[in-house]
Amino acid sequence: MTQPGAPASVVRLKHVAKTYQAGAIEVRALKDITLEIPSDRFSMVIGASGSGKTTLLNLVGCIDTPSAGTVEVCRQNIAALDDDAVADFRARNIGFIFQSFSLIPVLSAYENVELPLLLVGMPAAERRWRTLAMLEAVGLAEQARQQPNELSGGQKQRVAIARALVKQPQLVLADEPTANLDSATGAAIISLMRRVQADSHTTFIFATHDPQLISHADEIFAIRDGELIEHRTVAAP
């Protein structure tokens, strides 16, 4: 239960399990996870490769469904929605940032950022000013017409951040967003995401094992072998 004065929870998981079938083998990716993730925070899901971090993010991002338990995101019980409603909910409320950037190579930086607004049917004039404003916010206004293969790794990740934020989602999920970046570029990307989080009050949830990123955490959820083994709130400096 949320304590008085504490941030509201943007994610609630109750007794969540996820099992995959790999041929005749049953793989238990998550085991009886119960947690709450506060809003307006930098929250980290940490653990070794194969611990269940990405599976957890996929459940929170409404990309996958649990084998057992309840997933509530932005005060919505996801199980209560049909497939079309889940897709619409995800498009309007959740942004994604991926390790591999996942930009569409034949689209310009502008078109990649604009795409989520097209998917929710936003009028053209509003799409244009929002897209240009986001590119300006991440320092890429001059690269708007360049395609991904003309951008550096750090610039590609800035486009991915702008794409995730342009629809003003309540929640942004980032899966190892600094893994393909050198340490200096990673530090710049972390600083950018932290600034955006502070300015827009968007909740960021990261799956990561990057010590540099973890050092910026407000909340840390540690997972090992599919089980939540630790949750701690990091005191403000």
C-alpha atoms as a PDB file:
ATOM      1  CA  MET A   1       0.000   0.000   0.000  1.00  0.00           C
ATOM      2  CA  THR A   2       1.254   3.507  -0.840  1.00  0.00           C
ATOM      3  CA  GLN A   3       2.239   5.462   2.269  1.00  0.00           C
ATOM      4  CA  PRO A   4       0.922   9.017   2.840  1.00  0.00           C
ATOM      5  CA  GLY A   5       3.118  11.509   0.998  1.00  0.00           C
ATOM      6  CA  ALA A   6       4.742   8.793  -1.149  1.00  0.00           C
ATOM      7  CA  PRO A   7       4.566   8.938  -4.959  1.00  0.00           C
ATOM      8  CA  ALA A   8       1.574   7.144  -6.460  1.00  0.00           C
ATOM      9  CA  SER A   9       2.337   3.790  -8.042  1.00  0.00           C
ATOM     10  CA  VAL A  10       2.377   3.701 -11.836  1.00  0.00           C
ATOM     11  CA  VAL A  11       2.893  -0.099 -11.915  1.00  0.00           C
ATOM     12  CA  ARG A  12       1.521  -2.784  -9.592  1.00  0.00           C
ATOM     13  CA  LEU A  13       2.317  -6.470  -9.970  1.00  0.00           C
ATOM     14  CA  LYS A  14       0.632  -9.003  -7.680  1.00  0.00           C
ATOM     15  CA  HIS A  15       1.893 -12.601  -7.568  1.00  0.00           C
ATOM     16  CA  VAL A  16       3.002 -12.441 -11.201  1.00  0.00           C
ATOM     17  CA  ALA A  17       4.574 -15.466 -12.842  1.00  0.00           C
ATOM     18  CA  LYS A  18       5.636 -16.048 -16.428  1.00  0.00           C
ATOM     19  CA  THR A  19       6.379 -19.478 -17.854  1.00  0.00           C
ATOM     20  CA  TYR A  20       7.568 -20.235 -21.373  1.00  0.00           C
ATOM     21  CA  GLN A  21       7.489 -23.585 -23.132  1.00  0.00           C
ATOM     22  CA  ALA A  22      10.709 -24.407 -24.995  1.00  0.00           C
ATOM     23  CA  GLY A  23       9.901 -27.728 -26.640  1.00  0.00           C
ATOM     24  CA  ALA A  24       9.396 -30.203 -23.807  1.00  0.00           C
ATOM     25  CA  ILE A  25      11.098 -27.868 -21.310  1.00  0.00           C
ATOM     26  CA  GLU A  26       9.163 -25.428 -19.136  1.00  0.00           C
ATOM     27  CA  VAL A  27      11.102 -22.227 -18.408  1.00  0.00           C
ATOM     28  CA  ARG A  28       9.952 -20.217 -15.391  1.00  0.00           C
ATOM     29  CA  ALA A  29      11.100 -16.697 -16.319  1.00  0.00           C
ATOM     30  CA  LEU A  30       9.332 -14.963 -13.396  1.00  0.00           C
ATOM     31  CA  LYS A  31       8.179 -16.471 -10.116  1.00  0.00           C
ATOM     32  CA  ASP A  32       5.559 -14.884  -7.859  1.00  0.00           C
ATOM     33  CA  ILE A  33       6.627 -11.253  -8.313  1.00  0.00           C
ATOM     34  CA  THR A  34       4.775  -8.685  -6.202  1.00  0.00           C
ATOM     35  CA  LEU A  35       5.931  -5.069  -6.387  1.00  0.00           C
ATOM     36  CA  GLU A  36       4.860  -1.457  -6.839  1.00  0.00           C
ATOM     37  CA  ILE A  37       6.845   1.055  -8.898  1.00  0.00           C
ATOM     38  CA  PRO A  38       6.306   4.714  -7.962  1.00  0.00           C
ATOM     39  CA  SER A  39       5.475   7.379 -10.519  1.00  0.00           C
ATOM     40  CA  ASP A  40       7.748  10.300 -11.412  1.00  0.00           C
ATOM     41  CA  ARG A  41      10.919   8.348 -10.610  1.00  0.00           C
ATOM     42  CA  PHE A  42      13.992   6.763 -12.209  1.00  0.00           C
ATOM     43  CA  SER A  43      13.424   3.090 -11.337  1.00  0.00           C
ATOM     44  CA  MET A  44      15.894   0.338 -12.185  1.00  0.00           C
ATOM     45  CA  VAL A  45      15.234  -3.375 -12.592  1.00  0.00           C
ATOM     46  CA  ILE A  46      18.656  -4.940 -12.191  1.00  0.00           C
ATOM     47  CA  GLY A  47      20.057  -8.434 -12.464  1.00  0.00           C
ATOM     48  CA  ALA A  48      22.317 -10.647 -14.523  1.00  0.00           C
ATOM     49  CA  SER A  49      21.479 -11.659 -18.091  1.00  0.00           C
ATOM     50  CA  GLY A  50      18.677 -14.219 -17.996  1.00  0.00           C
ATOM     51  CA  SER A  51      17.412 -13.071 -14.601  1.00  0.00           C
ATOM     52  CA  GLY A  52      14.001 -12.006 -15.952  1.00  0.00           C
ATOM     53  CA  LYS A  53      14.509  -8.239 -16.385  1.00  0.00           C
ATOM     54  CA  THR A  54      13.327  -8.053 -19.995  1.00  0.00           C
ATOM     55  CA  THR A  55      10.408 -10.403 -19.312  1.00  0.00           C
ATOM     56  CA  LEU A  56       9.279  -8.076 -16.534  1.00  0.00           C
ATOM     57  CA  LEU A  57       9.546  -5.041 -18.814  1.00  0.00           C
ATOM     58  CA  ASN A  58       7.567  -6.852 -21.524  1.00  0.00           C
ATOM     59  CA  LEU A  59       4.741  -7.528 -19.055  1.00  0.00           C
ATOM     60  CA  VAL A  60       4.697  -3.921 -17.831  1.00  0.00           C
ATOM     61  CA  GLY A  61       4.800  -2.742 -21.454  1.00  0.00           C
ATOM     62  CA  CYS A  62       1.778  -4.866 -22.365  1.00  0.00           C
ATOM     63  CA  ILE A  63       3.859  -6.703 -24.961  1.00  0.00           C
ATOM     64  CA  ASP A  64       3.379 -10.021 -23.169  1.00  0.00           C
ATOM     65  CA  THR A  65       0.846 -11.463 -20.707  1.00  0.00           C
ATOM     66  CA  PRO A  66       1.525 -13.171 -17.370  1.00  0.00           C
ATOM     67  CA  SER A  67       0.955 -16.880 -16.810  1.00  0.00           C
ATOM     68  CA  ALA A  68      -0.427 -16.015 -13.382  1.00  0.00           C
ATOM     69  CA  GLY A  69      -1.065 -12.912 -11.292  1.00  0.00           C
ATOM     70  CA  THR A  70      -2.213  -9.361 -11.986  1.00  0.00           C
ATOM     71  CA  VAL A  71      -0.461  -6.578 -13.901  1.00  0.00           C
ATOM     72  CA  GLU A  72      -1.784  -3.039 -13.377  1.00  0.00           C
ATOM     73  CA  VAL A  73      -0.254  -0.164 -15.353  1.00  0.00           C
ATOM     74  CA  CYS A  74      -1.300   3.476 -14.990  1.00  0.00           C
ATOM     75  CA  ARG A  75      -4.178   2.291 -12.760  1.00  0.00           C
ATOM     76  CA  GLN A  76      -5.466  -0.055 -15.495  1.00  0.00           C
ATOM     77  CA  ASN A  77      -5.788  -3.815 -14.978  1.00  0.00           C
ATOM     78  CA  ILE A  78      -4.369  -4.999 -18.289  1.00  0.00           C
ATOM     79  CA  ALA A  79      -6.230  -8.336 -18.153  1.00  0.00           C
ATOM     80  CA  ALA A  80      -9.527  -6.429 -18.365  1.00  0.00           C
ATOM     81  CA  LEU A  81      -8.670  -5.181 -21.887  1.00  0.00           C
ATOM     82  CA  ASP A  82      -9.126  -7.041 -25.151  1.00  0.00           C
ATOM     83  CA  ASP A  83      -6.292  -7.151 -27.708  1.00  0.00           C
ATOM     84  CA  ASP A  84      -7.353  -3.970 -29.544  1.00  0.00           C
ATOM     85  CA  ALA A  85      -7.793  -2.064 -26.293  1.00  0.00           C
ATOM     86  CA  VAL A  86      -4.369  -3.220 -25.061  1.00  0.00           C
ATOM     87  CA  ALA A  87      -2.754  -1.992 -28.291  1.00  0.00           C
ATOM     88  CA  ASP A  88      -4.487   1.384 -27.966  1.00  0.00           C
ATOM     89  CA  PHE A  89      -3.590   1.664 -24.263  1.00  0.00           C
ATOM     90  CA  ARG A  90       0.063   0.879 -25.004  1.00  0.00           C
ATOM     91  CA  ALA A  91       0.197   3.359 -27.901  1.00  0.00           C
ATOM     92  CA  ARG A  92      -1.179   6.195 -25.769  1.00  0.00           C
ATOM     93  CA  ASN A  93       0.455   5.602 -22.407  1.00  0.00           C
ATOM     94  CA  ILE A  94       3.804   3.828 -22.826  1.00  0.00           C
ATOM     95  CA  GLY A  95       6.998   4.793 -24.625  1.00  0.00           C
ATOM     96  CA  PHE A  96       9.838   2.360 -25.380  1.00  0.00           C
ATOM     97  CA  ILE A  97      13.604   2.841 -25.677  1.00  0.00           C
ATOM     98  CA  PHE A  98      15.613  -0.174 -26.860  1.00  0.00           C
ATOM     99  CA  GLN A  99      19.265  -1.198 -26.628  1.00  0.00           C
ATOM    100  CA  SER A 100      19.473  -1.513 -30.424  1.00  0.00           C
ATOM    101  CA  PHE A 101      17.616   1.800 -31.003  1.00  0.00           C
ATOM    102  CA  SER A 102      15.017   0.051 -33.247  1.00  0.00           C
ATOM    103  CA  LEU A 103      14.682   3.001 -35.608  1.00  0.00           C
ATOM    104  CA  ILE A 104      13.085   2.440 -39.014  1.00  0.00           C
ATOM    105  CA  PRO A 105      16.034   2.747 -41.423  1.00  0.00           C
ATOM    106  CA  VAL A 106      14.111   4.151 -44.396  1.00  0.00           C
ATOM    107  CA  LEU A 107      12.606   6.985 -42.333  1.00  0.00           C
ATOM    108  CA  SER A 108      14.331  10.224 -41.375  1.00  0.00           C
ATOM    109  CA  ALA A 109      14.880  11.209 -37.747  1.00  0.00           C
ATOM    110  CA  TYR A 110      11.818  13.462 -38.047  1.00  0.00           C
ATOM    111  CA  GLU A 111       9.669  10.652 -39.468  1.00  0.00           C
ATOM    112  CA  ASN A 112      10.808   8.184 -36.811  1.00  0.00           C
ATOM    113  CA  VAL A 113       9.826  10.605 -34.055  1.00  0.00           C
ATOM    114  CA  GLU A 114       6.532  11.506 -35.745  1.00  0.00           C
ATOM    115  CA  LEU A 115       5.462   7.873 -36.196  1.00  0.00           C
ATOM    116  CA  PRO A 116       3.847   7.324 -32.735  1.00  0.00           C
ATOM    117  CA  LEU A 117       1.680  10.398 -33.313  1.00  0.00           C
ATOM    118  CA  LEU A 118       0.513   9.023 -36.659  1.00  0.00           C
ATOM    119  CA  LEU A 119      -0.422   5.756 -34.953  1.00  0.00           C
ATOM    120  CA  VAL A 120      -2.739   7.534 -32.506  1.00  0.00           C
ATOM    121  CA  GLY A 121      -4.343   9.647 -35.247  1.00  0.00           C
ATOM    122  CA  MET A 122      -3.044  13.062 -34.180  1.00  0.00           C
ATOM    123  CA  PRO A 123      -3.798  15.926 -36.614  1.00  0.00           C
ATOM    124  CA  ALA A 124      -0.948  16.965 -38.914  1.00  0.00           C
ATOM    125  CA  ALA A 125      -0.351  20.451 -37.471  1.00  0.00           C
ATOM    126  CA  GLU A 126      -0.043  19.146 -33.923  1.00  0.00           C
ATOM    127  CA  ARG A 127       2.170  16.271 -35.100  1.00  0.00           C
ATOM    128  CA  ARG A 128       4.534  18.745 -36.728  1.00  0.00           C
ATOM    129  CA  TRP A 129       5.020  21.080 -33.771  1.00  0.00           C
ATOM    130  CA  ARG A 130       5.335  18.206 -31.286  1.00  0.00           C
ATOM    131  CA  THR A 131       7.892  16.401 -33.446  1.00  0.00           C
ATOM    132  CA  LEU A 132       9.983  19.507 -34.050  1.00  0.00           C
ATOM    133  CA  ALA A 133       9.821  20.457 -30.353  1.00  0.00           C
ATOM    134  CA  MET A 134      11.027  16.990 -29.300  1.00  0.00           C
ATOM    135  CA  LEU A 135      13.897  17.003 -31.793  1.00  0.00           C
ATOM    136  CA  GLU A 136      14.889  20.427 -30.460  1.00  0.00           C
ATOM    137  CA  ALA A 137      14.665  19.141 -26.873  1.00  0.00           C
ATOM    138  CA  VAL A 138      17.121  16.302 -27.581  1.00  0.00           C
ATOM    139  CA  GLY A 139      19.470  18.528 -29.574  1.00  0.00           C
ATOM    140  CA  LEU A 140      18.760  17.090 -33.017  1.00  0.00           C
ATOM    141  CA  ALA A 141      16.820  19.844 -34.797  1.00  0.00           C
ATOM    142  CA  GLU A 142      19.560  20.109 -37.430  1.00  0.00           C
ATOM    143  CA  GLN A 143      19.540  16.346 -38.050  1.00  0.00           C
ATOM    144  CA  ALA A 144      15.766  16.108 -38.592  1.00  0.00           C
ATOM    145  CA  ARG A 145      16.053  15.023 -42.250  1.00  0.00           C
ATOM    146  CA  GLN A 146      18.904  12.567 -41.766  1.00  0.00           C
ATOM    147  CA  GLN A 147      18.292   8.830 -41.830  1.00  0.00           C
ATOM    148  CA  PRO A 148      19.548   6.521 -39.065  1.00  0.00           C
ATOM    149  CA  ASN A 149      22.589   5.371 -41.070  1.00  0.00           C
ATOM    150  CA  GLU A 150      23.761   8.994 -41.161  1.00  0.00           C
ATOM    151  CA  LEU A 151      23.673   9.345 -37.366  1.00  0.00           C
ATOM    152  CA  SER A 152      26.094   8.344 -34.606  1.00  0.00           C
ATOM    153  CA  GLY A 153      25.079   5.851 -31.917  1.00  0.00           C
ATOM    154  CA  GLY A 154      24.401   8.649 -29.454  1.00  0.00           C
ATOM    155  CA  GLN A 155      22.306  10.537 -32.006  1.00  0.00           C
ATOM    156  CA  LYS A 156      20.298   7.389 -32.790  1.00  0.00           C
ATOM    157  CA  GLN A 157      19.545   6.935 -29.094  1.00  0.00           C
ATOM    158  CA  ARG A 158      18.465  10.588 -28.874  1.00  0.00           C
ATOM    159  CA  VAL A 159      16.043   9.957 -31.743  1.00  0.00           C
ATOM    160  CA  ALA A 160      14.763   6.890 -29.878  1.00  0.00           C
ATOM    161  CA  ILE A 161      14.258   8.960 -26.726  1.00  0.00           C
ATOM    162  CA  ALA A 162      12.433  11.664 -28.682  1.00  0.00           C
ATOM    163  CA  ARG A 163      10.223   9.006 -30.294  1.00  0.00           C
ATOM    164  CA  ALA A 164       9.396   7.523 -26.889  1.00  0.00           C
ATOM    165  CA  LEU A 165       8.514  10.909 -25.377  1.00  0.00           C
ATOM    166  CA  VAL A 166       6.776  12.722 -28.231  1.00  0.00           C
ATOM    167  CA  LYS A 167       3.303  11.424 -27.318  1.00  0.00           C
ATOM    168  CA  GLN A 168       3.855  12.511 -23.690  1.00  0.00           C
ATOM    169  CA  PRO A 169       3.415   9.031 -22.201  1.00  0.00           C
ATOM    170  CA  GLN A 170       2.923   8.435 -18.503  1.00  0.00           C
ATOM    171  CA  LEU A 171       5.567   5.722 -18.574  1.00  0.00           C
ATOM    172  CA  VAL A 172       8.789   5.074 -20.516  1.00  0.00           C
ATOM    173  CA  LEU A 173      10.379   1.611 -20.499  1.00  0.00           C
ATOM    174  CA  ALA A 174      14.051   1.382 -21.439  1.00  0.00           C
ATOM    175  CA  ASP A 175      15.770  -1.977 -21.998  1.00  0.00           C
ATOM    176  CA  GLU A 176      19.562  -1.580 -21.638  1.00  0.00           C
ATOM    177  CA  PRO A 177      19.465   1.874 -23.306  1.00  0.00           C
ATOM    178  CA  THR A 178      23.190   2.571 -22.753  1.00  0.00           C
ATOM    179  CA  ALA A 179      24.570  -0.874 -23.622  1.00  0.00           C
ATOM    180  CA  ASN A 180      25.664   0.035 -27.173  1.00  0.00           C
ATOM    181  CA  LEU A 181      27.160   3.406 -26.230  1.00  0.00           C
ATOM    182  CA  ASP A 182      30.629   4.395 -25.025  1.00  0.00           C
ATOM    183  CA  SER A 183      30.791   5.704 -21.466  1.00  0.00           C
ATOM    184  CA  ALA A 184      30.864   9.411 -22.394  1.00  0.00           C
ATOM    185  CA  THR A 185      27.899   9.096 -24.761  1.00  0.00           C
ATOM    186  CA  GLY A 186      26.087   6.941 -22.202  1.00  0.00           C
ATOM    187  CA  ALA A 187      26.583   9.622 -19.558  1.00  0.00           C
ATOM    188  CA  ALA A 188      25.160  12.266 -21.913  1.00  0.00           C
ATOM    189  CA  ILE A 189      22.128  10.079 -22.685  1.00  0.00           C
ATOM    190  CA  ILE A 190      21.504   9.427 -18.969  1.00  0.00           C
ATOM    191  CA  SER A 191      21.707  13.166 -18.273  1.00  0.00           C
ATOM    192  CA  LEU A 192      19.229  13.844 -21.077  1.00  0.00           C
ATOM    193  CA  MET A 193      16.748  11.248 -19.800  1.00  0.00           C
ATOM    194  CA  ARG A 194      17.057  12.553 -16.240  1.00  0.00           C
ATOM    195  CA  ARG A 195      16.419  16.124 -17.416  1.00  0.00           C
ATOM    196  CA  VAL A 196      13.368  15.026 -19.400  1.00  0.00           C
ATOM    197  CA  GLN A 197      12.082  13.043 -16.418  1.00  0.00           C
ATOM    198  CA  ALA A 198      12.437  16.070 -14.133  1.00  0.00           C
ATOM    199  CA  ASP A 199      10.839  18.472 -16.637  1.00  0.00           C
ATOM    200  CA  SER A 200       7.928  16.289 -17.761  1.00  0.00           C
ATOM    201  CA  HIS A 201       7.386  14.136 -14.628  1.00  0.00           C
ATOM    202  CA  THR A 202       7.444  11.035 -16.826  1.00  0.00           C
ATOM    203  CA  THR A 203       8.197   7.761 -15.036  1.00  0.00           C
ATOM    204  CA  PHE A 204      11.221   5.872 -16.396  1.00  0.00           C
ATOM    205  CA  ILE A 205      11.709   2.155 -15.730  1.00  0.00           C
ATOM    206  CA  PHE A 206      14.993   0.639 -16.884  1.00  0.00           C
ATOM    207  CA  ALA A 207      16.137  -2.943 -17.240  1.00  0.00           C
ATOM    208  CA  THR A 208      19.888  -2.692 -16.928  1.00  0.00           C
ATOM    209  CA  HIS A 209      23.109  -3.968 -15.467  1.00  0.00           C
ATOM    210  CA  ASP A 210      25.056  -0.789 -16.376  1.00  0.00           C
ATOM    211  CA  PRO A 211      26.655   0.547 -13.140  1.00  0.00           C
ATOM    212  CA  GLN A 212      26.755   4.076 -14.580  1.00  0.00           C
ATOM    213  CA  LEU A 213      22.992   4.064 -15.151  1.00  0.00           C
ATOM    214  CA  ILE A 214      22.232   2.303 -11.853  1.00  0.00           C
ATOM    215  CA  SER A 215      24.115   5.065 -10.004  1.00  0.00           C
ATOM    216  CA  HIS A 216      21.315   7.463 -11.037  1.00  0.00           C
ATOM    217  CA  ALA A 217      18.487   5.300  -9.645  1.00  0.00           C
ATOM    218  CA  ASP A 218      15.706   6.557  -7.370  1.00  0.00           C
ATOM    219  CA  GLU A 219      14.372   3.014  -6.898  1.00  0.00           C
ATOM    220  CA  ILE A 220      16.151  -0.309  -7.418  1.00  0.00           C
ATOM    221  CA  PHE A 221      14.425  -3.671  -7.893  1.00  0.00           C
ATOM    222  CA  ALA A 222      16.871  -6.579  -7.989  1.00  0.00           C
ATOM    223  CA  ILE A 223      15.848  -9.817  -9.713  1.00  0.00           C
ATOM    224  CA  ARG A 224      17.683 -13.138  -9.632  1.00  0.00           C
ATOM    225  CA  ASP A 225      16.486 -16.314 -11.345  1.00  0.00           C
ATOM    226  CA  GLY A 226      13.039 -14.806 -11.894  1.00  0.00           C
ATOM    227  CA  GLU A 227      12.514 -13.780  -8.259  1.00  0.00           C
ATOM    228  CA  LEU A 228      12.474 -10.330  -6.678  1.00  0.00           C
ATOM    229  CA  ILE A 229      15.250 -10.468  -4.090  1.00  0.00           C
ATOM    230  CA  GLU A 230      15.545  -6.803  -3.116  1.00  0.00           C
ATOM    231  CA  HIS A 231      13.792  -3.442  -3.379  1.00  0.00           C
ATOM    232  CA  ARG A 232      15.374  -0.296  -2.092  1.00  0.00           C
ATOM    233  CA  THR A 233      14.654   3.401  -2.378  1.00  0.00           C
ATOM    234  CA  VAL A 234      17.732   5.539  -2.919  1.00  0.00           C
ATOM    235  CA  ALA A 235      17.807   8.617  -0.706  1.00  0.00           C
ATOM    236  CA  ALA A 236      17.869  11.953  -2.496  1.00  0.00           C
ATOM    237  CA  PRO A 237      21.284  13.627  -2.436  1.00  0.00           C
END
